[in-house]
Amino acid sequence: MSTAFVHRNLPRLLLQARESVMAHTRPSLREHGLSDQQWRVLRVLGEHGTVETGRVAREAFILGPSLTGVLARMERDGLVRRERDPADQRRSVVEATAKGLKLVEKLSRTIEEHYGWMEKSIGKQKLAELYELLDEVIELERT
């Protein structure tokens, strides 16, 4: 007995699309000794500067306990610096070090080249529509 699904498996397709995109990015990350999670943290810090750790967890999609370990390894490797939030000592903030920011700059060129290739391959309008549709799905599921 099988269930007759009408719609395609959207979560699986989204994961497949993610893995397809990451297949181009991972070799560069590994070349620099970074995990996917570490890259997501560096990208958040590269975009926003000094960030409260809770926000890093949300924007990098890393659970709090896992983020603690990721940040500890990144701190050990000289990529980030953590400290108490001067405005609220109960909270911690994290920022990329000069070494971490240099890595963001270097990797962002490779990643932007890949996005440029995607844009050229499927068209600027289709890529913009994809971003828009993904934003709509994310917003829809928040309500």
N, C-alpha and C. Protein backbone atom coordinates (compact mmCIF):
# COMPACT_ATOMS: atom_id res chain seq x y z
N MET A 1 0.84 -1.18 0.00
CA MET A 1 0.00 0.00 0.00
C MET A 1 0.89 1.24 0.00
N SER A 2 0.61 2.15 -0.89
CA SER A 2 1.40 3.37 -0.95
C SER A 2 0.48 4.58 -0.86
N THR A 3 1.01 5.64 -0.30
CA THR A 3 0.27 6.88 -0.18
C THR A 3 0.47 7.66 -1.47
N ALA A 4 -0.61 8.18 -1.99
CA ALA A 4 -0.53 8.95 -3.24
C ALA A 4 -0.31 10.43 -2.93
N PHE A 5 0.94 10.85 -2.93
CA PHE A 5 1.24 12.26 -2.72
C PHE A 5 0.97 13.01 -4.01
N VAL A 6 0.37 14.17 -3.88
CA VAL A 6 0.08 15.00 -5.04
C VAL A 6 1.27 15.90 -5.37
N HIS A 7 1.92 16.40 -4.32
CA HIS A 7 3.03 17.34 -4.51
C HIS A 7 4.38 16.65 -4.38
N ARG A 8 5.36 17.24 -5.03
CA ARG A 8 6.73 16.73 -4.89
C ARG A 8 7.23 16.99 -3.49
N ASN A 9 8.28 16.30 -3.10
CA ASN A 9 8.83 16.40 -1.75
C ASN A 9 9.69 17.67 -1.65
N LEU A 10 9.05 18.76 -1.25
CA LEU A 10 9.73 20.06 -1.22
C LEU A 10 10.93 20.09 -0.28
N PRO A 11 10.82 19.57 0.95
CA PRO A 11 12.03 19.58 1.81
C PRO A 11 13.21 18.84 1.18
N ARG A 12 12.94 17.71 0.54
CA ARG A 12 14.01 16.96 -0.11
C ARG A 12 14.60 17.76 -1.27
N LEU A 13 13.76 18.42 -2.06
CA LEU A 13 14.25 19.23 -3.18
C LEU A 13 15.10 20.40 -2.69
N LEU A 14 14.67 21.02 -1.59
CA LEU A 14 15.46 22.13 -1.04
C LEU A 14 16.81 21.64 -0.55
N LEU A 15 16.82 20.48 0.11
CA LEU A 15 18.09 19.90 0.56
C LEU A 15 18.99 19.54 -0.63
N GLN A 16 18.37 18.98 -1.65
CA GLN A 16 19.12 18.61 -2.86
C GLN A 16 19.73 19.85 -3.51
N ALA A 17 18.94 20.93 -3.59
CA ALA A 17 19.42 22.18 -4.18
C ALA A 17 20.58 22.73 -3.34
N ARG A 18 20.43 22.68 -2.01
CA ARG A 18 21.49 23.15 -1.12
C ARG A 18 22.77 22.36 -1.35
N GLU A 19 22.64 21.06 -1.40
CA GLU A 19 23.83 20.21 -1.60
C GLU A 19 24.46 20.46 -2.96
N SER A 20 23.64 20.72 -3.96
CA SER A 20 24.16 21.01 -5.30
C SER A 20 24.98 22.30 -5.29
N VAL A 21 24.48 23.32 -4.62
CA VAL A 21 25.20 24.59 -4.53
C VAL A 21 26.46 24.42 -3.68
N MET A 22 26.32 23.72 -2.56
CA MET A 22 27.46 23.53 -1.66
C MET A 22 28.57 22.67 -2.27
N ALA A 23 28.22 21.84 -3.23
CA ALA A 23 29.24 21.01 -3.88
C ALA A 23 30.31 21.88 -4.54
N HIS A 24 29.95 23.09 -4.93
CA HIS A 24 30.92 24.02 -5.52
C HIS A 24 31.71 24.77 -4.45
N THR A 25 31.09 24.95 -3.29
CA THR A 25 31.68 25.75 -2.22
C THR A 25 32.57 24.93 -1.30
N ARG A 26 32.15 23.71 -0.98
CA ARG A 26 32.86 22.90 0.01
C ARG A 26 34.35 22.70 -0.27
N PRO A 27 34.75 22.44 -1.50
CA PRO A 27 36.20 22.26 -1.72
C PRO A 27 37.02 23.47 -1.27
N SER A 28 36.52 24.67 -1.52
CA SER A 28 37.23 25.88 -1.07
C SER A 28 37.23 25.98 0.45
N LEU A 29 36.11 25.62 1.07
CA LEU A 29 36.05 25.66 2.54
C LEU A 29 37.06 24.68 3.12
N ARG A 30 37.07 23.46 2.60
CA ARG A 30 37.96 22.43 3.13
C ARG A 30 39.43 22.80 2.91
N GLU A 31 39.70 23.45 1.79
CA GLU A 31 41.06 23.90 1.49
C GLU A 31 41.58 24.84 2.58
N HIS A 32 40.65 25.56 3.21
CA HIS A 32 41.01 26.51 4.27
C HIS A 32 40.69 25.96 5.66
N GLY A 33 40.37 24.66 5.72
CA GLY A 33 40.14 24.01 7.00
C GLY A 33 38.83 24.37 7.68
N LEU A 34 37.84 24.81 6.90
CA LEU A 34 36.55 25.22 7.47
C LEU A 34 35.46 24.19 7.23
N SER A 35 34.60 24.04 8.23
CA SER A 35 33.38 23.25 8.08
C SER A 35 32.29 24.17 7.51
N ASP A 36 31.19 23.57 7.08
CA ASP A 36 30.05 24.36 6.61
C ASP A 36 29.58 25.32 7.71
N GLN A 37 29.50 24.81 8.95
CA GLN A 37 29.03 25.63 10.07
C GLN A 37 29.98 26.81 10.33
N GLN A 38 31.28 26.54 10.30
CA GLN A 38 32.24 27.62 10.53
C GLN A 38 32.11 28.70 9.45
N TRP A 39 31.89 28.27 8.21
CA TRP A 39 31.72 29.24 7.14
C TRP A 39 30.46 30.08 7.36
N ARG A 40 29.37 29.44 7.78
CA ARG A 40 28.14 30.19 8.01
C ARG A 40 28.35 31.24 9.11
N VAL A 41 29.09 30.88 10.15
CA VAL A 41 29.40 31.85 11.21
C VAL A 41 30.23 32.99 10.64
N LEU A 42 31.28 32.69 9.90
CA LEU A 42 32.13 33.73 9.33
C LEU A 42 31.35 34.63 8.37
N ARG A 43 30.45 34.04 7.62
CA ARG A 43 29.65 34.84 6.68
C ARG A 43 28.77 35.82 7.45
N VAL A 44 28.12 35.37 8.52
CA VAL A 44 27.29 36.26 9.34
C VAL A 44 28.16 37.39 9.90
N LEU A 45 29.33 37.05 10.43
CA LEU A 45 30.21 38.07 11.02
C LEU A 45 30.76 39.00 9.95
N GLY A 46 31.06 38.45 8.78
CA GLY A 46 31.54 39.27 7.68
C GLY A 46 30.51 40.27 7.20
N GLU A 47 29.23 39.89 7.30
CA GLU A 47 28.15 40.78 6.86
C GLU A 47 27.76 41.79 7.93
N HIS A 48 27.87 41.42 9.22
CA HIS A 48 27.31 42.24 10.28
C HIS A 48 28.30 42.76 11.32
N GLY A 49 29.55 42.31 11.29
CA GLY A 49 30.52 42.77 12.27
C GLY A 49 30.36 42.05 13.60
N THR A 50 30.39 42.77 14.70
CA THR A 50 30.24 42.18 16.02
C THR A 50 28.77 41.84 16.24
N VAL A 51 28.51 40.58 16.60
CA VAL A 51 27.13 40.09 16.68
C VAL A 51 26.93 39.31 17.98
N GLU A 52 25.76 39.48 18.59
CA GLU A 52 25.38 38.71 19.78
C GLU A 52 25.27 37.24 19.37
N THR A 53 25.74 36.35 20.23
CA THR A 53 25.82 34.93 19.85
C THR A 53 24.46 34.32 19.51
N GLY A 54 23.41 34.77 20.15
CA GLY A 54 22.08 34.26 19.81
C GLY A 54 21.70 34.57 18.38
N ARG A 55 22.06 35.76 17.93
CA ARG A 55 21.79 36.14 16.54
C ARG A 55 22.63 35.31 15.58
N VAL A 56 23.89 35.07 15.95
CA VAL A 56 24.74 34.21 15.11
C VAL A 56 24.08 32.85 14.95
N ALA A 57 23.60 32.29 16.06
CA ALA A 57 22.95 30.97 16.02
C ALA A 57 21.76 30.99 15.07
N ARG A 58 20.93 32.03 15.18
CA ARG A 58 19.74 32.12 14.32
C ARG A 58 20.10 32.29 12.86
N GLU A 59 21.01 33.20 12.57
CA GLU A 59 21.34 33.51 11.17
C GLU A 59 22.18 32.42 10.51
N ALA A 60 22.97 31.70 11.31
CA ALA A 60 23.80 30.63 10.75
C ALA A 60 23.10 29.27 10.84
N PHE A 61 21.91 29.24 11.42
CA PHE A 61 21.14 28.00 11.60
C PHE A 61 21.96 26.93 12.30
N ILE A 62 22.46 27.31 13.48
CA ILE A 62 23.21 26.39 14.31
C ILE A 62 22.61 26.44 15.71
N LEU A 63 22.27 25.28 16.26
CA LEU A 63 21.71 25.24 17.60
C LEU A 63 22.73 25.75 18.61
N GLY A 64 22.25 26.41 19.67
CA GLY A 64 23.11 27.01 20.68
C GLY A 64 24.22 26.13 21.20
N PRO A 65 23.91 24.90 21.66
CA PRO A 65 24.99 24.04 22.17
C PRO A 65 26.05 23.72 21.10
N SER A 66 25.62 23.53 19.87
CA SER A 66 26.58 23.26 18.79
C SER A 66 27.41 24.50 18.49
N LEU A 67 26.76 25.67 18.53
CA LEU A 67 27.47 26.92 18.26
C LEU A 67 28.60 27.13 19.27
N THR A 68 28.37 26.75 20.52
CA THR A 68 29.40 26.90 21.54
C THR A 68 30.67 26.16 21.14
N GLY A 69 30.53 24.93 20.67
CA GLY A 69 31.68 24.15 20.22
C GLY A 69 32.32 24.72 18.97
N VAL A 70 31.50 25.14 18.03
CA VAL A 70 32.01 25.73 16.78
C VAL A 70 32.82 26.98 17.10
N LEU A 71 32.28 27.85 17.95
CA LEU A 71 33.00 29.09 18.30
C LEU A 71 34.28 28.80 19.07
N ALA A 72 34.26 27.79 19.93
CA ALA A 72 35.48 27.43 20.68
C ALA A 72 36.59 27.01 19.71
N ARG A 73 36.25 26.20 18.71
CA ARG A 73 37.26 25.77 17.73
C ARG A 73 37.74 26.96 16.89
N MET A 74 36.81 27.83 16.52
CA MET A 74 37.17 28.99 15.70
C MET A 74 38.04 29.97 16.51
N GLU A 75 37.75 30.09 17.78
CA GLU A 75 38.56 30.95 18.64
C GLU A 75 39.96 30.37 18.79
N ARG A 76 40.03 29.07 18.99
CA ARG A 76 41.32 28.38 19.09
C ARG A 76 42.16 28.59 17.83
N ASP A 77 41.48 28.61 16.66
CA ASP A 77 42.17 28.77 15.38
C ASP A 77 42.42 30.23 15.00
N GLY A 78 42.03 31.14 15.89
CA GLY A 78 42.29 32.56 15.65
C GLY A 78 41.36 33.22 14.66
N LEU A 79 40.17 32.64 14.43
CA LEU A 79 39.24 33.19 13.44
C LEU A 79 38.21 34.14 14.04
N VAL A 80 37.88 33.93 15.32
CA VAL A 80 36.90 34.79 15.99
C VAL A 80 37.40 35.14 17.38
N ARG A 81 36.74 36.16 17.93
CA ARG A 81 37.01 36.59 19.30
C ARG A 81 35.65 36.75 19.98
N ARG A 82 35.54 36.20 21.18
CA ARG A 82 34.29 36.32 21.96
C ARG A 82 34.54 37.16 23.20
N GLU A 83 33.52 37.88 23.61
CA GLU A 83 33.60 38.64 24.86
C GLU A 83 32.19 38.91 25.37
N ARG A 84 32.10 39.35 26.60
CA ARG A 84 30.81 39.73 27.19
C ARG A 84 30.32 40.99 26.50
N ASP A 85 29.02 41.06 26.31
CA ASP A 85 28.40 42.25 25.72
C ASP A 85 28.56 43.41 26.72
N PRO A 86 29.22 44.49 26.32
CA PRO A 86 29.42 45.60 27.25
C PRO A 86 28.09 46.18 27.76
N ALA A 87 27.03 46.08 26.96
CA ALA A 87 25.72 46.63 27.35
C ALA A 87 24.95 45.68 28.27
N ASP A 88 25.28 44.38 28.22
CA ASP A 88 24.56 43.39 29.03
C ASP A 88 25.50 42.22 29.30
N GLN A 89 26.09 42.21 30.47
CA GLN A 89 27.12 41.22 30.83
C GLN A 89 26.61 39.78 30.80
N ARG A 90 25.30 39.58 30.74
CA ARG A 90 24.76 38.21 30.67
C ARG A 90 24.88 37.63 29.27
N ARG A 91 25.11 38.47 28.30
CA ARG A 91 25.17 38.04 26.91
C ARG A 91 26.60 38.08 26.40
N SER A 92 26.85 37.30 25.34
CA SER A 92 28.17 37.30 24.70
C SER A 92 28.04 37.81 23.28
N VAL A 93 29.09 38.43 22.83
CA VAL A 93 29.17 38.86 21.43
C VAL A 93 30.39 38.20 20.80
N VAL A 94 30.36 38.09 19.51
CA VAL A 94 31.46 37.48 18.78
C VAL A 94 31.77 38.33 17.56
N GLU A 95 33.04 38.40 17.21
CA GLU A 95 33.46 39.12 16.01
C GLU A 95 34.58 38.35 15.34
N ALA A 96 34.68 38.53 14.05
CA ALA A 96 35.76 37.89 13.30
C ALA A 96 37.05 38.66 13.57
N THR A 97 38.14 37.93 13.68
CA THR A 97 39.46 38.55 13.80
C THR A 97 39.92 38.98 12.41
N ALA A 98 41.06 39.64 12.35
CA ALA A 98 41.62 40.02 11.05
C ALA A 98 41.83 38.77 10.18
N LYS A 99 42.30 37.69 10.80
CA LYS A 99 42.50 36.43 10.07
C LYS A 99 41.17 35.90 9.54
N GLY A 100 40.12 35.95 10.36
CA GLY A 100 38.80 35.49 9.94
C GLY A 100 38.25 36.35 8.81
N LEU A 101 38.40 37.67 8.92
CA LEU A 101 37.90 38.57 7.88
C LEU A 101 38.65 38.39 6.56
N LYS A 102 39.94 38.11 6.65
CA LYS A 102 40.73 37.86 5.44
C LYS A 102 40.21 36.61 4.73
N LEU A 103 39.86 35.60 5.51
CA LEU A 103 39.30 34.37 4.96
C LEU A 103 37.93 34.64 4.32
N VAL A 104 37.10 35.46 4.96
CA VAL A 104 35.80 35.82 4.39
C VAL A 104 35.99 36.50 3.05
N GLU A 105 36.93 37.43 3.00
CA GLU A 105 37.18 38.16 1.76
C GLU A 105 37.64 37.21 0.65
N LYS A 106 38.55 36.33 0.98
CA LYS A 106 39.08 35.39 -0.01
C LYS A 106 37.98 34.44 -0.51
N LEU A 107 37.24 33.85 0.42
CA LEU A 107 36.20 32.89 0.04
C LEU A 107 35.02 33.56 -0.65
N SER A 108 34.73 34.79 -0.28
CA SER A 108 33.59 35.48 -0.90
C SER A 108 33.82 35.67 -2.40
N ARG A 109 35.06 35.86 -2.81
CA ARG A 109 35.34 35.99 -4.25
C ARG A 109 34.98 34.70 -4.98
N THR A 110 35.39 33.56 -4.43
CA THR A 110 35.09 32.27 -5.04
C THR A 110 33.59 32.02 -5.08
N ILE A 111 32.92 32.33 -3.99
CA ILE A 111 31.48 32.09 -3.91
C ILE A 111 30.73 33.03 -4.85
N GLU A 112 31.14 34.29 -4.91
CA GLU A 112 30.48 35.23 -5.82
C GLU A 112 30.70 34.83 -7.28
N GLU A 113 31.86 34.27 -7.59
CA GLU A 113 32.10 33.76 -8.95
C GLU A 113 31.10 32.65 -9.28
N HIS A 114 30.86 31.77 -8.32
CA HIS A 114 29.90 30.69 -8.54
C HIS A 114 28.49 31.25 -8.73
N TYR A 115 28.10 32.24 -7.91
CA TYR A 115 26.78 32.85 -8.08
C TYR A 115 26.68 33.53 -9.45
N GLY A 116 27.78 34.14 -9.89
CA GLY A 116 27.80 34.75 -11.22
C GLY A 116 27.59 33.71 -12.30
N TRP A 117 28.22 32.55 -12.13
CA TRP A 117 28.04 31.45 -13.08
C TRP A 117 26.58 30.99 -13.08
N MET A 118 25.99 30.86 -11.87
CA MET A 118 24.58 30.46 -11.78
C MET A 118 23.69 31.48 -12.49
N GLU A 119 23.96 32.76 -12.24
CA GLU A 119 23.19 33.83 -12.86
C GLU A 119 23.28 33.77 -14.38
N LYS A 120 24.49 33.52 -14.87
CA LYS A 120 24.69 33.42 -16.32
C LYS A 120 23.99 32.17 -16.88
N SER A 121 24.02 31.09 -16.12
CA SER A 121 23.45 29.82 -16.58
C SER A 121 21.93 29.82 -16.62
N ILE A 122 21.29 30.33 -15.56
CA ILE A 122 19.82 30.28 -15.53
C ILE A 122 19.19 31.65 -15.80
N GLY A 123 20.00 32.68 -15.83
CA GLY A 123 19.51 34.02 -16.11
C GLY A 123 19.32 34.82 -14.84
N LYS A 124 19.62 36.10 -14.96
CA LYS A 124 19.53 37.01 -13.82
C LYS A 124 18.10 37.06 -13.27
N GLN A 125 17.13 37.11 -14.17
CA GLN A 125 15.73 37.20 -13.75
C GLN A 125 15.29 35.94 -13.00
N LYS A 126 15.66 34.77 -13.50
CA LYS A 126 15.27 33.53 -12.82
C LYS A 126 15.91 33.41 -11.45
N LEU A 127 17.18 33.82 -11.33
CA LEU A 127 17.84 33.77 -10.03
C LEU A 127 17.16 34.73 -9.06
N ALA A 128 16.81 35.92 -9.54
CA ALA A 128 16.09 36.89 -8.70
C ALA A 128 14.74 36.32 -8.28
N GLU A 129 14.05 35.66 -9.19
CA GLU A 129 12.76 35.04 -8.87
C GLU A 129 12.93 33.93 -7.84
N LEU A 130 14.01 33.15 -7.96
CA LEU A 130 14.28 32.09 -6.99
C LEU A 130 14.47 32.69 -5.60
N TYR A 131 15.27 33.73 -5.50
CA TYR A 131 15.46 34.40 -4.21
C TYR A 131 14.12 34.88 -3.66
N GLU A 132 13.32 35.50 -4.53
CA GLU A 132 12.02 36.04 -4.11
C GLU A 132 11.09 34.92 -3.63
N LEU A 133 11.04 33.83 -4.38
CA LEU A 133 10.18 32.70 -3.99
C LEU A 133 10.63 32.09 -2.66
N LEU A 134 11.93 31.93 -2.50
CA LEU A 134 12.43 31.38 -1.24
C LEU A 134 12.09 32.31 -0.07
N ASP A 135 12.25 33.61 -0.27
CA ASP A 135 11.87 34.57 0.77
C ASP A 135 10.38 34.46 1.11
N GLU A 136 9.55 34.29 0.08
CA GLU A 136 8.10 34.15 0.31
C GLU A 136 7.78 32.88 1.08
N VAL A 137 8.41 31.76 0.74
CA VAL A 137 8.17 30.50 1.45
C VAL A 137 8.60 30.63 2.90
N ILE A 138 9.76 31.24 3.12
CA ILE A 138 10.26 31.43 4.49
C ILE A 138 9.26 32.28 5.29
N GLU A 139 8.81 33.36 4.71
CA GLU A 139 7.87 34.25 5.40
C GLU A 139 6.53 33.55 5.62
N LEU A 140 6.05 32.82 4.64
CA LEU A 140 4.79 32.09 4.76
C LEU A 140 4.80 31.12 5.92
N GLU A 141 5.89 30.39 6.07
CA GLU A 141 6.00 29.38 7.11
C GLU A 141 6.24 29.98 8.49
N ARG A 142 6.55 31.27 8.58
CA ARG A 142 6.74 31.93 9.87
C ARG A 142 5.40 32.28 10.53
N THR A 143 4.38 32.42 9.72
CA THR A 143 3.07 32.85 10.25
C THR A 143 2.25 31.67 10.73
